[in-house]
Amino acid sequence: MKPPPIALHLGRALLVAASLLALSGCSTTGTDETANDPLEGFNRGVFAFNQGFDKAVIKPVAEGYRWALPKPVRDGVKNVLDNLKAPVILANDLMQGQFERAGVTIGRFIVNTTVGLGGVSDYASDIGLEQHGEDFGQTLAVWGFGEGPYLMLPVLGPSNPRDLTGLIADIFLDPLSYVASANDVEYLTGVRTVVRAIDTRSRHIEDLDDLERTSLDFYAALRSLYRQKRDDEILNGATPPLPIIPSYSRSSDPGNAQAAARGN
């Protein structure tokens, strides 16, 4: 089945984006953290569900994944997934006017796809082409859109209207979805998402356990860290380093992961 033209996909994404961004407005001025969580009661309910789902499903699977596969194999899996995300990162580099970073993204993709054997090895980092992440949520922030109210999404975790819009747009910017659709193997995009979630969770089991154990209010701690981490990513690392917390809703790069997607 041939996919519809990319313009049609993007048009649908932008219709969703328009309704979501109406919640956030165009101001980038920061707001009081508590005041910017008007749906806190609902969000905490979703957070509780996410914690339960994580403890029952995601964490045990991640622990099994880490037990079954040696670290070099897991690193190879992560490298391949990161390499597949390069076209989306490149598109957002360009839309943000970050042409030098776009050149790094192109160089990384070429080097890792060839010398790195399809991305299994991150040879590009070894020669100084360091990985970075970009997504359409960051692009919207650069364009001047405010984040809007805090949202806790089922399974995906911490977000806001701007980042949720970005997540939707990035799906339609991803060439793999069109390649999979054209070859009737749409399930591959789902498989990639699941593997990414399991791999990411497996790398942060102890980090998240420690954070939960030491936080007086785990929900509030994740909310704060998510906002700080997203600000850091929007500014391309111009803020002090923050704790590494994974996100399943978007690709995460070394040292640049966001809040836990299940809320844990």
C-alpha atoms as a PDB file:
ATOM      1  CA  MET A   1       0.000   0.000   0.000  1.00  0.00           C
ATOM      2  CA  LYS A   2       1.476   3.305  -1.077  1.00  0.00           C
ATOM      3  CA  PRO A   3       1.522   6.007   1.613  1.00  0.00           C
ATOM      4  CA  PRO A   4      -0.343   9.253   1.002  1.00  0.00           C
ATOM      5  CA  PRO A   5       1.807  12.215  -0.040  1.00  0.00           C
ATOM      6  CA  ILE A   6       3.922  13.611   2.775  1.00  0.00           C
ATOM      7  CA  ALA A   7       2.146  16.950   2.398  1.00  0.00           C
ATOM      8  CA  LEU A   8      -1.141  15.268   3.347  1.00  0.00           C
ATOM      9  CA  HIS A   9       0.435  13.709   6.427  1.00  0.00           C
ATOM     10  CA  LEU A  10       1.961  17.000   7.491  1.00  0.00           C
ATOM     11  CA  GLY A  11      -1.310  18.791   6.871  1.00  0.00           C
ATOM     12  CA  ARG A  12      -3.105  16.432   9.235  1.00  0.00           C
ATOM     13  CA  ALA A  13      -0.346  16.841  11.820  1.00  0.00           C
ATOM     14  CA  LEU A  14      -0.578  20.599  11.576  1.00  0.00           C
ATOM     15  CA  LEU A  15      -4.343  20.503  12.165  1.00  0.00           C
ATOM     16  CA  VAL A  16      -3.664  18.687  15.414  1.00  0.00           C
ATOM     17  CA  ALA A  17      -0.802  21.062  16.143  1.00  0.00           C
ATOM     18  CA  ALA A  18      -3.032  24.113  15.728  1.00  0.00           C
ATOM     19  CA  SER A  19      -5.503  22.893  18.353  1.00  0.00           C
ATOM     20  CA  LEU A  20      -2.774  21.897  20.794  1.00  0.00           C
ATOM     21  CA  LEU A  21      -0.768  25.071  20.385  1.00  0.00           C
ATOM     22  CA  ALA A  22      -3.872  27.108  21.050  1.00  0.00           C
ATOM     23  CA  LEU A  23      -3.475  25.926  24.624  1.00  0.00           C
ATOM     24  CA  SER A  24       0.085  27.179  24.895  1.00  0.00           C
ATOM     25  CA  GLY A  25       0.016  30.513  23.043  1.00  0.00           C
ATOM     26  CA  CYS A  26       3.140  32.103  21.622  1.00  0.00           C
ATOM     27  CA  SER A  27       4.815  33.337  24.790  1.00  0.00           C
ATOM     28  CA  THR A  28       8.073  31.786  25.937  1.00  0.00           C
ATOM     29  CA  THR A  29       7.892  33.493  29.336  1.00  0.00           C
ATOM     30  CA  GLY A  30       8.282  31.029  32.201  1.00  0.00           C
ATOM     31  CA  THR A  31       5.431  30.473  34.650  1.00  0.00           C
ATOM     32  CA  ASP A  32       5.182  29.320  38.236  1.00  0.00           C
ATOM     33  CA  GLU A  33       5.557  25.554  38.221  1.00  0.00           C
ATOM     34  CA  THR A  34       2.487  24.770  40.321  1.00  0.00           C
ATOM     35  CA  ALA A  35       0.332  27.319  38.467  1.00  0.00           C
ATOM     36  CA  ASN A  36       1.347  25.725  35.174  1.00  0.00           C
ATOM     37  CA  ASP A  37      -0.080  22.350  36.182  1.00  0.00           C
ATOM     38  CA  PRO A  38      -3.826  23.115  36.128  1.00  0.00           C
ATOM     39  CA  LEU A  39      -4.624  19.451  35.443  1.00  0.00           C
ATOM     40  CA  GLU A  40      -2.585  18.190  38.395  1.00  0.00           C
ATOM     41  CA  GLY A  41      -5.328  15.953  39.746  1.00  0.00           C
ATOM     42  CA  PHE A  42      -5.792  14.241  36.382  1.00  0.00           C
ATOM     43  CA  ASN A  43      -2.038  14.161  35.772  1.00  0.00           C
ATOM     44  CA  ARG A  44      -1.392  12.458  39.106  1.00  0.00           C
ATOM     45  CA  GLY A  45      -3.987   9.828  38.245  1.00  0.00           C
ATOM     46  CA  VAL A  46      -2.233   9.112  34.940  1.00  0.00           C
ATOM     47  CA  PHE A  47       1.088   9.113  36.795  1.00  0.00           C
ATOM     48  CA  ALA A  48      -0.191   6.446  39.190  1.00  0.00           C
ATOM     49  CA  PHE A  49      -1.312   4.329  36.218  1.00  0.00           C
ATOM     50  CA  ASN A  50       2.091   4.768  34.569  1.00  0.00           C
ATOM     51  CA  GLN A  51       3.898   3.672  37.721  1.00  0.00           C
ATOM     52  CA  GLY A  52       1.750   0.570  37.974  1.00  0.00           C
ATOM     53  CA  PHE A  53       2.258  -0.274  34.305  1.00  0.00           C
ATOM     54  CA  ASP A  54       5.987   0.232  34.649  1.00  0.00           C
ATOM     55  CA  LYS A  55       6.294  -2.027  37.680  1.00  0.00           C
ATOM     56  CA  ALA A  56       4.092  -4.729  36.147  1.00  0.00           C
ATOM     57  CA  VAL A  57       5.362  -4.698  32.550  1.00  0.00           C
ATOM     58  CA  ILE A  58       8.079  -2.301  31.414  1.00  0.00           C
ATOM     59  CA  LYS A  59      10.614  -2.665  34.206  1.00  0.00           C
ATOM     60  CA  PRO A  60      10.496  -6.515  34.340  1.00  0.00           C
ATOM     61  CA  VAL A  61      10.882  -6.707  30.546  1.00  0.00           C
ATOM     62  CA  ALA A  62      13.758  -4.207  30.680  1.00  0.00           C
ATOM     63  CA  GLU A  63      15.465  -6.233  33.396  1.00  0.00           C
ATOM     64  CA  GLY A  64      15.076  -9.388  31.293  1.00  0.00           C
ATOM     65  CA  TYR A  65      16.442  -7.587  28.242  1.00  0.00           C
ATOM     66  CA  ARG A  66      19.488  -6.447  30.189  1.00  0.00           C
ATOM     67  CA  TRP A  67      20.010  -9.947  31.611  1.00  0.00           C
ATOM     68  CA  ALA A  68      19.644 -11.705  28.244  1.00  0.00           C
ATOM     69  CA  LEU A  69      21.827  -9.452  26.079  1.00  0.00           C
ATOM     70  CA  PRO A  70      25.420  -8.469  26.845  1.00  0.00           C
ATOM     71  CA  LYS A  71      26.181  -4.760  26.926  1.00  0.00           C
ATOM     72  CA  PRO A  72      27.983  -4.656  23.528  1.00  0.00           C
ATOM     73  CA  VAL A  73      24.860  -6.082  21.882  1.00  0.00           C
ATOM     74  CA  ARG A  74      22.587  -3.615  23.682  1.00  0.00           C
ATOM     75  CA  ASP A  75      24.898  -0.767  22.675  1.00  0.00           C
ATOM     76  CA  GLY A  76      24.693  -1.923  19.063  1.00  0.00           C
ATOM     77  CA  VAL A  77      20.887  -1.931  19.210  1.00  0.00           C
ATOM     78  CA  LYS A  78      20.849   1.588  20.635  1.00  0.00           C
ATOM     79  CA  ASN A  79      23.321   2.810  18.009  1.00  0.00           C
ATOM     80  CA  VAL A  80      21.140   1.476  15.190  1.00  0.00           C
ATOM     81  CA  LEU A  81      18.040   3.138  16.644  1.00  0.00           C
ATOM     82  CA  ASP A  82      19.906   6.432  17.039  1.00  0.00           C
ATOM     83  CA  ASN A  83      21.144   6.229  13.452  1.00  0.00           C
ATOM     84  CA  LEU A  84      17.610   5.693  12.141  1.00  0.00           C
ATOM     85  CA  LYS A  85      16.543   8.905  13.866  1.00  0.00           C
ATOM     86  CA  ALA A  86      19.082  11.013  11.956  1.00  0.00           C
ATOM     87  CA  PRO A  87      16.640  12.240   9.241  1.00  0.00           C
ATOM     88  CA  VAL A  88      14.264  13.663  11.871  1.00  0.00           C
ATOM     89  CA  ILE A  89      17.143  15.321  13.732  1.00  0.00           C
ATOM     90  CA  LEU A  90      18.424  16.761  10.449  1.00  0.00           C
ATOM     91  CA  ALA A  91      15.020  18.199   9.523  1.00  0.00           C
ATOM     92  CA  ASN A  92      14.777  19.941  12.878  1.00  0.00           C
ATOM     93  CA  ASP A  93      18.384  21.165  12.700  1.00  0.00           C
ATOM     94  CA  LEU A  94      17.531  22.854   9.414  1.00  0.00           C
ATOM     95  CA  MET A  95      14.198  24.281  10.569  1.00  0.00           C
ATOM     96  CA  GLN A  96      15.998  25.847  13.525  1.00  0.00           C
ATOM     97  CA  GLY A  97      18.701  27.333  11.297  1.00  0.00           C
ATOM     98  CA  GLN A  98      21.361  25.195  12.999  1.00  0.00           C
ATOM     99  CA  PHE A  99      23.343  24.520   9.837  1.00  0.00           C
ATOM    100  CA  GLU A 100      26.588  23.525  11.539  1.00  0.00           C
ATOM    101  CA  ARG A 101      24.745  20.956  13.644  1.00  0.00           C
ATOM    102  CA  ALA A 102      22.934  19.807  10.489  1.00  0.00           C
ATOM    103  CA  GLY A 103      26.339  19.139   8.930  1.00  0.00           C
ATOM    104  CA  VAL A 104      27.312  17.062  11.951  1.00  0.00           C
ATOM    105  CA  THR A 105      24.069  15.087  11.669  1.00  0.00           C
ATOM    106  CA  ILE A 106      24.712  14.358   7.978  1.00  0.00           C
ATOM    107  CA  GLY A 107      28.308  13.385   8.702  1.00  0.00           C
ATOM    108  CA  ARG A 108      27.284  11.079  11.530  1.00  0.00           C
ATOM    109  CA  PHE A 109      24.678   9.335   9.385  1.00  0.00           C
ATOM    110  CA  ILE A 110      27.088   8.768   6.490  1.00  0.00           C
ATOM    111  CA  VAL A 111      29.936   7.548   8.696  1.00  0.00           C
ATOM    112  CA  ASN A 112      27.855   5.298  10.926  1.00  0.00           C
ATOM    113  CA  THR A 113      25.832   3.849   8.042  1.00  0.00           C
ATOM    114  CA  THR A 114      28.987   2.916   6.131  1.00  0.00           C
ATOM    115  CA  VAL A 115      31.973   2.455   8.415  1.00  0.00           C
ATOM    116  CA  GLY A 116      29.668   1.778  11.352  1.00  0.00           C
ATOM    117  CA  LEU A 117      27.937  -1.065   9.498  1.00  0.00           C
ATOM    118  CA  GLY A 118      24.436   0.353   9.378  1.00  0.00           C
ATOM    119  CA  GLY A 119      24.829   2.190  12.662  1.00  0.00           C
ATOM    120  CA  VAL A 120      25.800  -0.777  14.822  1.00  0.00           C
ATOM    121  CA  SER A 121      28.994   1.060  15.739  1.00  0.00           C
ATOM    122  CA  ASP A 122      29.015   4.760  16.634  1.00  0.00           C
ATOM    123  CA  TYR A 123      32.277   5.367  14.818  1.00  0.00           C
ATOM    124  CA  ALA A 124      31.282   8.996  14.168  1.00  0.00           C
ATOM    125  CA  SER A 125      31.655   9.864  17.851  1.00  0.00           C
ATOM    126  CA  ASP A 126      35.139   8.361  17.822  1.00  0.00           C
ATOM    127  CA  ILE A 127      36.216  10.868  15.168  1.00  0.00           C
ATOM    128  CA  GLY A 128      34.658  13.870  16.888  1.00  0.00           C
ATOM    129  CA  LEU A 129      31.167  13.975  15.360  1.00  0.00           C
ATOM    130  CA  GLU A 130      29.268  13.997  18.642  1.00  0.00           C
ATOM    131  CA  GLN A 131      25.643  12.989  18.797  1.00  0.00           C
ATOM    132  CA  HIS A 132      22.928  15.513  19.573  1.00  0.00           C
ATOM    133  CA  GLY A 133      19.155  15.343  19.563  1.00  0.00           C
ATOM    134  CA  GLU A 134      16.562  17.656  18.033  1.00  0.00           C
ATOM    135  CA  ASP A 135      12.809  17.287  17.754  1.00  0.00           C
ATOM    136  CA  PHE A 136       9.919  19.394  16.542  1.00  0.00           C
ATOM    137  CA  GLY A 137       8.964  20.343  20.081  1.00  0.00           C
ATOM    138  CA  GLN A 138      12.343  22.053  20.377  1.00  0.00           C
ATOM    139  CA  THR A 139      11.828  23.625  16.957  1.00  0.00           C
ATOM    140  CA  LEU A 140       8.499  25.110  18.063  1.00  0.00           C
ATOM    141  CA  ALA A 141      10.215  26.546  21.135  1.00  0.00           C
ATOM    142  CA  VAL A 142      12.880  28.145  18.941  1.00  0.00           C
ATOM    143  CA  TRP A 143      10.090  29.610  16.789  1.00  0.00           C
ATOM    144  CA  GLY A 144       8.598  31.251  19.881  1.00  0.00           C
ATOM    145  CA  PHE A 145       5.792  28.927  20.987  1.00  0.00           C
ATOM    146  CA  GLY A 146       5.279  28.553  24.727  1.00  0.00           C
ATOM    147  CA  GLU A 147       5.136  25.133  26.343  1.00  0.00           C
ATOM    148  CA  GLY A 148       1.587  25.414  27.682  1.00  0.00           C
ATOM    149  CA  PRO A 149       0.279  23.489  30.705  1.00  0.00           C
ATOM    150  CA  TYR A 150       2.061  20.421  31.978  1.00  0.00           C
ATOM    151  CA  LEU A 151       0.629  17.106  30.782  1.00  0.00           C
ATOM    152  CA  MET A 152       1.182  13.557  32.001  1.00  0.00           C
ATOM    153  CA  LEU A 153       0.476  11.233  29.087  1.00  0.00           C
ATOM    154  CA  PRO A 154      -0.494   7.571  29.518  1.00  0.00           C
ATOM    155  CA  VAL A 155       2.639   5.401  29.110  1.00  0.00           C
ATOM    156  CA  LEU A 156       4.553   8.204  27.345  1.00  0.00           C
ATOM    157  CA  GLY A 157       4.839  10.283  30.508  1.00  0.00           C
ATOM    158  CA  PRO A 158       5.711  13.985  31.049  1.00  0.00           C
ATOM    159  CA  SER A 159       4.852  16.372  28.224  1.00  0.00           C
ATOM    160  CA  ASN A 160       3.027  19.596  27.328  1.00  0.00           C
ATOM    161  CA  PRO A 161       1.002  20.766  24.298  1.00  0.00           C
ATOM    162  CA  ARG A 162       4.119  22.006  22.497  1.00  0.00           C
ATOM    163  CA  ASP A 163       6.039  18.765  22.960  1.00  0.00           C
ATOM    164  CA  LEU A 164       3.021  16.601  22.158  1.00  0.00           C
ATOM    165  CA  THR A 165       2.578  18.562  18.928  1.00  0.00           C
ATOM    166  CA  GLY A 166       6.259  18.040  18.203  1.00  0.00           C
ATOM    167  CA  LEU A 167       5.965  14.324  18.811  1.00  0.00           C
ATOM    168  CA  ILE A 168       3.113  14.044  16.305  1.00  0.00           C
ATOM    169  CA  ALA A 169       4.954  16.115  13.700  1.00  0.00           C
ATOM    170  CA  ASP A 170       8.155  14.077  14.090  1.00  0.00           C
ATOM    171  CA  ILE A 171       6.230  10.904  13.274  1.00  0.00           C
ATOM    172  CA  PHE A 172       5.313  12.388   9.899  1.00  0.00           C
ATOM    173  CA  LEU A 173       8.834  13.707   9.346  1.00  0.00           C
ATOM    174  CA  ASP A 174      10.301  10.220   9.780  1.00  0.00           C
ATOM    175  CA  PRO A 175      11.121   8.593   6.405  1.00  0.00           C
ATOM    176  CA  LEU A 176      11.017   5.114   7.946  1.00  0.00           C
ATOM    177  CA  SER A 177       7.245   5.342   8.366  1.00  0.00           C
ATOM    178  CA  TYR A 178       6.843   5.949   4.607  1.00  0.00           C
ATOM    179  CA  VAL A 179       9.298   3.215   3.658  1.00  0.00           C
ATOM    180  CA  ALA A 180       7.516   0.749   5.940  1.00  0.00           C
ATOM    181  CA  SER A 181       4.099   1.717   4.567  1.00  0.00           C
ATOM    182  CA  ALA A 182       5.254   1.449   0.954  1.00  0.00           C
ATOM    183  CA  ASN A 183       6.506  -2.086   1.601  1.00  0.00           C
ATOM    184  CA  ASP A 184       3.525  -3.211   3.715  1.00  0.00           C
ATOM    185  CA  VAL A 185       5.653  -3.639   6.847  1.00  0.00           C
ATOM    186  CA  GLU A 186       4.125  -0.884   8.962  1.00  0.00           C
ATOM    187  CA  TYR A 187       4.641  -3.042  12.058  1.00  0.00           C
ATOM    188  CA  LEU A 188       8.366  -2.269  11.895  1.00  0.00           C
ATOM    189  CA  THR A 189       7.783   1.254  13.208  1.00  0.00           C
ATOM    190  CA  GLY A 190       5.929  -0.196  16.182  1.00  0.00           C
ATOM    191  CA  VAL A 191       8.685  -2.724  16.787  1.00  0.00           C
ATOM    192  CA  ARG A 192      11.253   0.073  16.745  1.00  0.00           C
ATOM    193  CA  THR A 193       9.258   2.068  19.299  1.00  0.00           C
ATOM    194  CA  VAL A 194       8.922  -0.910  21.643  1.00  0.00           C
ATOM    195  CA  VAL A 195      12.600  -1.827  21.388  1.00  0.00           C
ATOM    196  CA  ARG A 196      13.574   1.799  22.020  1.00  0.00           C
ATOM    197  CA  ALA A 197      11.385   1.891  25.149  1.00  0.00           C
ATOM    198  CA  ILE A 198      12.812  -1.359  26.509  1.00  0.00           C
ATOM    199  CA  ASP A 199      16.405  -0.373  25.784  1.00  0.00           C
ATOM    200  CA  THR A 200      15.964   3.077  27.322  1.00  0.00           C
ATOM    201  CA  ARG A 201      14.320   1.696  30.461  1.00  0.00           C
ATOM    202  CA  SER A 202      17.053  -0.918  30.859  1.00  0.00           C
ATOM    203  CA  ARG A 203      19.709   1.813  30.972  1.00  0.00           C
ATOM    204  CA  HIS A 204      18.066   3.740  33.804  1.00  0.00           C
ATOM    205  CA  ILE A 205      16.731   1.140  36.216  1.00  0.00           C
ATOM    206  CA  GLU A 206      18.960   2.194  39.113  1.00  0.00           C
ATOM    207  CA  ASP A 207      18.695   5.929  38.303  1.00  0.00           C
ATOM    208  CA  LEU A 208      14.915   5.903  38.536  1.00  0.00           C
ATOM    209  CA  ASP A 209      14.829   3.644  41.597  1.00  0.00           C
ATOM    210  CA  ASP A 210      17.182   6.057  43.385  1.00  0.00           C
ATOM    211  CA  LEU A 211      15.142   9.095  42.327  1.00  0.00           C
ATOM    212  CA  GLU A 212      11.902   7.552  43.547  1.00  0.00           C
ATOM    213  CA  ARG A 213      13.473   6.494  46.827  1.00  0.00           C
ATOM    214  CA  THR A 214      14.988   9.910  47.584  1.00  0.00           C
ATOM    215  CA  SER A 215      12.096  12.128  46.398  1.00  0.00           C
ATOM    216  CA  LEU A 216       9.550  13.460  48.861  1.00  0.00           C
ATOM    217  CA  ASP A 217       7.110  13.801  45.934  1.00  0.00           C
ATOM    218  CA  PHE A 218       8.172  11.685  42.952  1.00  0.00           C
ATOM    219  CA  TYR A 219       5.546  13.260  40.683  1.00  0.00           C
ATOM    220  CA  ALA A 220       6.733  16.803  41.443  1.00  0.00           C
ATOM    221  CA  ALA A 221      10.388  15.773  41.095  1.00  0.00           C
ATOM    222  CA  LEU A 222       9.806  14.369  37.605  1.00  0.00           C
ATOM    223  CA  ARG A 223       7.756  17.397  36.603  1.00  0.00           C
ATOM    224  CA  SER A 224      10.569  19.737  37.618  1.00  0.00           C
ATOM    225  CA  LEU A 225      13.307  17.653  35.994  1.00  0.00           C
ATOM    226  CA  TYR A 226      11.334  17.312  32.776  1.00  0.00           C
ATOM    227  CA  ARG A 227      10.969  21.069  32.427  1.00  0.00           C
ATOM    228  CA  GLN A 228      14.607  21.707  33.282  1.00  0.00           C
ATOM    229  CA  LYS A 229      15.798  19.046  30.847  1.00  0.00           C
ATOM    230  CA  ARG A 230      13.647  20.363  28.011  1.00  0.00           C
ATOM    231  CA  ASP A 231      14.923  23.899  28.626  1.00  0.00           C
ATOM    232  CA  ASP A 232      18.464  22.516  28.475  1.00  0.00           C
ATOM    233  CA  GLU A 233      17.765  20.743  25.185  1.00  0.00           C
ATOM    234  CA  ILE A 234      16.123  23.812  23.642  1.00  0.00           C
ATOM    235  CA  LEU A 235      19.228  25.839  24.549  1.00  0.00           C
ATOM    236  CA  ASN A 236      21.487  23.073  23.166  1.00  0.00           C
ATOM    237  CA  GLY A 237      23.106  22.358  26.512  1.00  0.00           C
ATOM    238  CA  ALA A 238      23.731  25.962  27.561  1.00  0.00           C
ATOM    239  CA  THR A 239      22.424  25.230  31.068  1.00  0.00           C
ATOM    240  CA  PRO A 240      24.233  23.249  33.820  1.00  0.00           C
ATOM    241  CA  PRO A 241      24.129  19.430  33.517  1.00  0.00           C
ATOM    242  CA  LEU A 242      21.007  17.725  34.876  1.00  0.00           C
ATOM    243  CA  PRO A 243      20.261  14.163  35.997  1.00  0.00           C
ATOM    244  CA  ILE A 244      19.741  11.710  33.138  1.00  0.00           C
ATOM    245  CA  ILE A 245      16.123  10.556  32.989  1.00  0.00           C
ATOM    246  CA  PRO A 246      14.829   8.575  29.989  1.00  0.00           C
ATOM    247  CA  SER A 247      11.980   9.401  27.667  1.00  0.00           C
ATOM    248  CA  TYR A 248      10.151   6.853  25.544  1.00  0.00           C
ATOM    249  CA  SER A 249       8.207   9.447  23.590  1.00  0.00           C
ATOM    250  CA  ARG A 250      11.199  10.590  21.581  1.00  0.00           C
ATOM    251  CA  SER A 251      14.701   9.549  20.684  1.00  0.00           C
ATOM    252  CA  SER A 252      17.153  10.116  23.500  1.00  0.00           C
ATOM    253  CA  ASP A 253      20.850  10.732  23.058  1.00  0.00           C
ATOM    254  CA  PRO A 254      23.696  10.273  25.570  1.00  0.00           C
ATOM    255  CA  GLY A 255      23.320  12.688  28.454  1.00  0.00           C
ATOM    256  CA  ASN A 256      20.256  14.288  26.934  1.00  0.00           C
ATOM    257  CA  ALA A 257      17.298  12.151  27.967  1.00  0.00           C
ATOM    258  CA  GLN A 258      14.048  13.500  29.359  1.00  0.00           C
ATOM    259  CA  ALA A 259      11.639  12.473  32.067  1.00  0.00           C
ATOM    260  CA  ALA A 260      10.599   8.834  32.363  1.00  0.00           C
ATOM    261  CA  ALA A 261       7.860   8.088  29.889  1.00  0.00           C
ATOM    262  CA  ARG A 262       5.824   5.983  32.205  1.00  0.00           C
ATOM    263  CA  GLY A 263       6.205   8.433  35.035  1.00  0.00           C
ATOM    264  CA  ASN A 264       8.824   6.175  36.647  1.00  0.00           C
END
